[in-house]
Amino acid sequence: MNAWGFDQRSGGVKIAATVKQRTEQRIRSYAVAKYAENFSCLGISFHGVYYYHFRQDRFS
């Protein structure tokens, strides 16, 4: 009998384009509303089933 296990590299369901757009817009609008004075650049990227973000501080 095989036991169930979690393997983060086993695949998953890719994020649909409409969900990517909606998620990116939601993250950007929240960041601009709350932290606009703290950063000059906000990057959001999706890779497979994950999303990543980066920011560049305004004073760096």
PDB file of N, CA and C in Angstrom:
ATOM      1  N   MET A   1       0.846  -1.185   0.000  1.00  0.00           N
ATOM      2  CA  MET A   1       0.000   0.000   0.000  1.00  0.00           C
ATOM      3  C   MET A   1       0.887   1.241   0.000  1.00  0.00           C
ATOM      4  N   ASN A   2       0.608   2.173  -0.898  1.00  0.00           N
ATOM      5  CA  ASN A   2       1.367   3.413  -0.995  1.00  0.00           C
ATOM      6  C   ASN A   2       0.814   4.457  -0.035  1.00  0.00           C
ATOM      7  N   ALA A   3       1.719   5.172   0.589  1.00  0.00           N
ATOM      8  CA  ALA A   3       1.308   6.261   1.482  1.00  0.00           C
ATOM      9  C   ALA A   3       1.299   7.568   0.696  1.00  0.00           C
ATOM     10  N   TRP A   4       0.364   8.421   1.040  1.00  0.00           N
ATOM     11  CA  TRP A   4       0.283   9.728   0.398  1.00  0.00           C
ATOM     12  C   TRP A   4       1.387  10.596   0.944  1.00  0.00           C
ATOM     13  N   GLY A   5       2.024  11.364   0.075  1.00  0.00           N
ATOM     14  CA  GLY A   5       3.059  12.292   0.511  1.00  0.00           C
ATOM     15  C   GLY A   5       3.031  13.552  -0.319  1.00  0.00           C
ATOM     16  N   PHE A   6       3.509  14.618   0.227  1.00  0.00           N
ATOM     17  CA  PHE A   6       3.544  15.902  -0.468  1.00  0.00           C
ATOM     18  C   PHE A   6       4.901  16.073  -1.118  1.00  0.00           C
ATOM     19  N   ASP A   7       4.920  16.304  -2.414  1.00  0.00           N
ATOM     20  CA  ASP A   7       6.144  16.584  -3.145  1.00  0.00           C
ATOM     21  C   ASP A   7       5.898  17.855  -3.941  1.00  0.00           C
ATOM     22  N   GLN A   8       6.550  18.929  -3.572  1.00  0.00           N
ATOM     23  CA  GLN A   8       6.282  20.212  -4.220  1.00  0.00           C
ATOM     24  C   GLN A   8       6.735  20.258  -5.669  1.00  0.00           C
ATOM     25  N   ARG A   9       7.532  19.306  -6.116  1.00  0.00           N
ATOM     26  CA  ARG A   9       7.972  19.274  -7.501  1.00  0.00           C
ATOM     27  C   ARG A   9       7.185  18.277  -8.346  1.00  0.00           C
ATOM     28  N   SER A  10       6.099  17.766  -7.820  1.00  0.00           N
ATOM     29  CA  SER A  10       5.357  16.728  -8.521  1.00  0.00           C
ATOM     30  C   SER A  10       4.349  17.271  -9.514  1.00  0.00           C
ATOM     31  N   GLY A  11       4.249  18.549  -9.662  1.00  0.00           N
ATOM     32  CA  GLY A  11       3.317  19.095 -10.648  1.00  0.00           C
ATOM     33  C   GLY A  11       2.369  20.079 -10.016  1.00  0.00           C
ATOM     34  N   GLY A  12       1.103  19.813 -10.133  1.00  0.00           N
ATOM     35  CA  GLY A  12       0.097  20.740  -9.640  1.00  0.00           C
ATOM     36  C   GLY A  12      -0.652  21.337 -10.814  1.00  0.00           C
ATOM     37  N   VAL A  13      -1.540  22.230 -10.534  1.00  0.00           N
ATOM     38  CA  VAL A  13      -2.340  22.872 -11.564  1.00  0.00           C
ATOM     39  C   VAL A  13      -1.761  24.250 -11.829  1.00  0.00           C
ATOM     40  N   LYS A  14      -1.503  24.542 -13.100  1.00  0.00           N
ATOM     41  CA  LYS A  14      -0.961  25.847 -13.445  1.00  0.00           C
ATOM     42  C   LYS A  14      -2.012  26.929 -13.200  1.00  0.00           C
ATOM     43  N   ILE A  15      -1.544  28.116 -12.918  1.00  0.00           N
ATOM     44  CA  ILE A  15      -2.424  29.248 -12.644  1.00  0.00           C
ATOM     45  C   ILE A  15      -2.952  29.795 -13.971  1.00  0.00           C
ATOM     46  N   ALA A  16      -4.245  29.920 -14.085  1.00  0.00           N
ATOM     47  CA  ALA A  16      -4.870  30.420 -15.310  1.00  0.00           C
ATOM     48  C   ALA A  16      -4.527  31.892 -15.518  1.00  0.00           C
ATOM     49  N   ALA A  17      -4.511  32.327 -16.772  1.00  0.00           N
ATOM     50  CA  ALA A  17      -4.143  33.707 -17.119  1.00  0.00           C
ATOM     51  C   ALA A  17      -5.069  34.722 -16.456  1.00  0.00           C
ATOM     52  N   THR A  18      -6.362  34.428 -16.392  1.00  0.00           N
ATOM     53  CA  THR A  18      -7.299  35.371 -15.774  1.00  0.00           C
ATOM     54  C   THR A  18      -7.041  35.483 -14.274  1.00  0.00           C
ATOM     55  N   VAL A  19      -6.683  34.376 -13.643  1.00  0.00           N
ATOM     56  CA  VAL A  19      -6.381  34.397 -12.213  1.00  0.00           C
ATOM     57  C   VAL A  19      -5.085  35.152 -11.973  1.00  0.00           C
ATOM     58  N   LYS A  20      -4.106  34.992 -12.862  1.00  0.00           N
ATOM     59  CA  LYS A  20      -2.840  35.737 -12.753  1.00  0.00           C
ATOM     60  C   LYS A  20      -3.093  37.232 -12.803  1.00  0.00           C
ATOM     61  N   GLN A  21      -3.882  37.660 -13.784  1.00  0.00           N
ATOM     62  CA  GLN A  21      -4.179  39.092 -13.919  1.00  0.00           C
ATOM     63  C   GLN A  21      -4.897  39.631 -12.691  1.00  0.00           C
ATOM     64  N   ARG A  22      -5.909  38.911 -12.240  1.00  0.00           N
ATOM     65  CA  ARG A  22      -6.687  39.339 -11.079  1.00  0.00           C
ATOM     66  C   ARG A  22      -5.816  39.402  -9.823  1.00  0.00           C
ATOM     67  N   THR A  23      -4.962  38.399  -9.634  1.00  0.00           N
ATOM     68  CA  THR A  23      -4.084  38.358  -8.467  1.00  0.00           C
ATOM     69  C   THR A  23      -3.055  39.475  -8.513  1.00  0.00           C
ATOM     70  N   GLU A  24      -2.449  39.678  -9.681  1.00  0.00           N
ATOM     71  CA  GLU A  24      -1.451  40.743  -9.812  1.00  0.00           C
ATOM     72  C   GLU A  24      -2.071  42.112  -9.554  1.00  0.00           C
ATOM     73  N   GLN A  25      -3.256  42.357 -10.091  1.00  0.00           N
ATOM     74  CA  GLN A  25      -3.938  43.632  -9.873  1.00  0.00           C
ATOM     75  C   GLN A  25      -4.267  43.837  -8.400  1.00  0.00           C
ATOM     76  N   ARG A  26      -4.716  42.782  -7.729  1.00  0.00           N
ATOM     77  CA  ARG A  26      -5.054  42.877  -6.307  1.00  0.00           C
ATOM     78  C   ARG A  26      -3.809  43.179  -5.468  1.00  0.00           C
ATOM     79  N   ILE A  27      -2.685  42.516  -5.778  1.00  0.00           N
ATOM     80  CA  ILE A  27      -1.440  42.763  -5.039  1.00  0.00           C
ATOM     81  C   ILE A  27      -0.953  44.178  -5.277  1.00  0.00           C
ATOM     82  N   ARG A  28      -0.971  44.614  -6.542  1.00  0.00           N
ATOM     83  CA  ARG A  28      -0.499  45.969  -6.864  1.00  0.00           C
ATOM     84  C   ARG A  28      -1.353  47.049  -6.211  1.00  0.00           C
ATOM     85  N   SER A  29      -2.667  46.914  -6.270  1.00  0.00           N
ATOM     86  CA  SER A  29      -3.526  47.947  -5.693  1.00  0.00           C
ATOM     87  C   SER A  29      -3.356  48.025  -4.182  1.00  0.00           C
ATOM     88  N   TYR A  30      -3.184  46.886  -3.528  1.00  0.00           N
ATOM     89  CA  TYR A  30      -2.954  46.887  -2.083  1.00  0.00           C
ATOM     90  C   TYR A  30      -1.609  47.526  -1.751  1.00  0.00           C
ATOM     91  N   ALA A  31      -0.577  47.163  -2.506  1.00  0.00           N
ATOM     92  CA  ALA A  31       0.764  47.702  -2.248  1.00  0.00           C
ATOM     93  C   ALA A  31       0.807  49.213  -2.475  1.00  0.00           C
ATOM     94  N   VAL A  32       0.155  49.684  -3.510  1.00  0.00           N
ATOM     95  CA  VAL A  32       0.143  51.130  -3.774  1.00  0.00           C
ATOM     96  C   VAL A  32      -0.627  51.864  -2.687  1.00  0.00           C
ATOM     97  N   ALA A  33      -1.734  51.298  -2.246  1.00  0.00           N
ATOM     98  CA  ALA A  33      -2.539  51.950  -1.211  1.00  0.00           C
ATOM     99  C   ALA A  33      -1.819  51.995   0.134  1.00  0.00           C
ATOM    100  N   LYS A  34      -1.080  50.953   0.468  1.00  0.00           N
ATOM    101  CA  LYS A  34      -0.481  50.867   1.800  1.00  0.00           C
ATOM    102  C   LYS A  34       0.992  51.269   1.860  1.00  0.00           C
ATOM    103  N   TYR A  35       1.752  51.007   0.788  1.00  0.00           N
ATOM    104  CA  TYR A  35       3.210  51.137   0.873  1.00  0.00           C
ATOM    105  C   TYR A  35       3.835  51.940  -0.267  1.00  0.00           C
ATOM    106  N   ALA A  36       3.081  52.766  -0.949  1.00  0.00           N
ATOM    107  CA  ALA A  36       3.592  53.471  -2.126  1.00  0.00           C
ATOM    108  C   ALA A  36       4.809  54.337  -1.819  1.00  0.00           C
ATOM    109  N   GLU A  37       4.887  54.901  -0.636  1.00  0.00           N
ATOM    110  CA  GLU A  37       6.011  55.772  -0.304  1.00  0.00           C
ATOM    111  C   GLU A  37       7.275  54.984   0.034  1.00  0.00           C
ATOM    112  N   ASN A  38       7.174  53.663   0.179  1.00  0.00           N
ATOM    113  CA  ASN A  38       8.310  52.855   0.598  1.00  0.00           C
ATOM    114  C   ASN A  38       9.058  52.172  -0.540  1.00  0.00           C
ATOM    115  N   PHE A  39       8.457  52.060  -1.717  1.00  0.00           N
ATOM    116  CA  PHE A  39       9.147  51.367  -2.805  1.00  0.00           C
ATOM    117  C   PHE A  39       8.968  52.124  -4.115  1.00  0.00           C
ATOM    118  N   SER A  40       9.905  51.896  -5.023  1.00  0.00           N
ATOM    119  CA  SER A  40       9.831  52.537  -6.328  1.00  0.00           C
ATOM    120  C   SER A  40       9.493  51.544  -7.427  1.00  0.00           C
ATOM    121  N   CYS A  41       9.656  50.262  -7.172  1.00  0.00           N
ATOM    122  CA  CYS A  41       9.408  49.246  -8.185  1.00  0.00           C
ATOM    123  C   CYS A  41       8.826  48.004  -7.508  1.00  0.00           C
ATOM    124  N   LEU A  42       7.793  47.464  -8.088  1.00  0.00           N
ATOM    125  CA  LEU A  42       7.197  46.235  -7.585  1.00  0.00           C
ATOM    126  C   LEU A  42       7.062  45.280  -8.755  1.00  0.00           C
ATOM    127  N   GLY A  43       7.682  44.117  -8.647  1.00  0.00           N
ATOM    128  CA  GLY A  43       7.605  43.121  -9.711  1.00  0.00           C
ATOM    129  C   GLY A  43       6.889  41.886  -9.206  1.00  0.00           C
ATOM    130  N   ILE A  44       6.005  41.369 -10.020  1.00  0.00           N
ATOM    131  CA  ILE A  44       5.254  40.167  -9.675  1.00  0.00           C
ATOM    132  C   ILE A  44       5.381  39.208 -10.842  1.00  0.00           C
ATOM    133  N   SER A  45       5.798  37.988 -10.560  1.00  0.00           N
ATOM    134  CA  SER A  45       5.920  36.996 -11.632  1.00  0.00           C
ATOM    135  C   SER A  45       5.331  35.674 -11.173  1.00  0.00           C
ATOM    136  N   PHE A  46       4.889  34.899 -12.126  1.00  0.00           N
ATOM    137  CA  PHE A  46       4.302  33.600 -11.868  1.00  0.00           C
ATOM    138  C   PHE A  46       5.169  32.544 -12.537  1.00  0.00           C
ATOM    139  N   HIS A  47       5.399  31.449 -11.836  1.00  0.00           N
ATOM    140  CA  HIS A  47       6.200  30.359 -12.383  1.00  0.00           C
ATOM    141  C   HIS A  47       5.551  29.045 -11.980  1.00  0.00           C
ATOM    142  N   GLY A  48       4.871  28.428 -12.915  1.00  0.00           N
ATOM    143  CA  GLY A  48       4.164  27.180 -12.615  1.00  0.00           C
ATOM    144  C   GLY A  48       3.021  27.425 -11.654  1.00  0.00           C
ATOM    145  N   VAL A  49       3.065  26.773 -10.513  1.00  0.00           N
ATOM    146  CA  VAL A  49       1.984  26.895  -9.535  1.00  0.00           C
ATOM    147  C   VAL A  49       2.310  27.918  -8.454  1.00  0.00           C
ATOM    148  N   TYR A  50       3.406  28.651  -8.600  1.00  0.00           N
ATOM    149  CA  TYR A  50       3.842  29.613  -7.592  1.00  0.00           C
ATOM    150  C   TYR A  50       3.860  31.029  -8.158  1.00  0.00           C
ATOM    151  N   TYR A  51       3.800  32.013  -7.265  1.00  0.00           N
ATOM    152  CA  TYR A  51       4.031  33.384  -7.689  1.00  0.00           C
ATOM    153  C   TYR A  51       5.112  33.973  -6.806  1.00  0.00           C
ATOM    154  N   TYR A  52       5.836  34.919  -7.360  1.00  0.00           N
ATOM    155  CA  TYR A  52       6.926  35.574  -6.655  1.00  0.00           C
ATOM    156  C   TYR A  52       6.763  37.076  -6.782  1.00  0.00           C
ATOM    157  N   HIS A  53       7.280  37.800  -5.810  1.00  0.00           N
ATOM    158  CA  HIS A  53       7.277  39.251  -5.918  1.00  0.00           C
ATOM    159  C   HIS A  53       8.624  39.777  -5.463  1.00  0.00           C
ATOM    160  N   PHE A  54       8.957  40.931  -5.957  1.00  0.00           N
ATOM    161  CA  PHE A  54      10.147  41.614  -5.489  1.00  0.00           C
ATOM    162  C   PHE A  54       9.837  43.098  -5.427  1.00  0.00           C
ATOM    163  N   ARG A  55      10.592  43.782  -4.634  1.00  0.00           N
ATOM    164  CA  ARG A  55      10.413  45.226  -4.536  1.00  0.00           C
ATOM    165  C   ARG A  55      11.776  45.879  -4.470  1.00  0.00           C
ATOM    166  N   GLN A  56      11.830  47.083  -4.933  1.00  0.00           N
ATOM    167  CA  GLN A  56      13.054  47.868  -4.824  1.00  0.00           C
ATOM    168  C   GLN A  56      12.736  49.049  -3.940  1.00  0.00           C
ATOM    169  N   ASP A  57      13.456  49.149  -2.841  1.00  0.00           N
ATOM    170  CA  ASP A  57      13.212  50.235  -1.915  1.00  0.00           C
ATOM    171  C   ASP A  57      13.491  51.582  -2.559  1.00  0.00           C
ATOM    172  N   ARG A  58      12.703  52.545  -2.199  1.00  0.00           N
ATOM    173  CA  ARG A  58      12.850  53.876  -2.759  1.00  0.00           C
ATOM    174  C   ARG A  58      14.176  54.503  -2.369  1.00  0.00           C
ATOM    175  N   PHE A  59      14.695  54.186  -1.222  1.00  0.00           N
ATOM    176  CA  PHE A  59      15.898  54.844  -0.711  1.00  0.00           C
ATOM    177  C   PHE A  59      17.150  53.986  -0.863  1.00  0.00           C
ATOM    178  N   SER A  60      17.130  52.945  -1.724  1.00  0.00           N
ATOM    179  CA  SER A  60      18.310  52.112  -1.912  1.00  0.00           C
ATOM    180  C   SER A  60      19.156  52.602  -3.063  1.00  0.00           C
TER     181      SER A  60
END
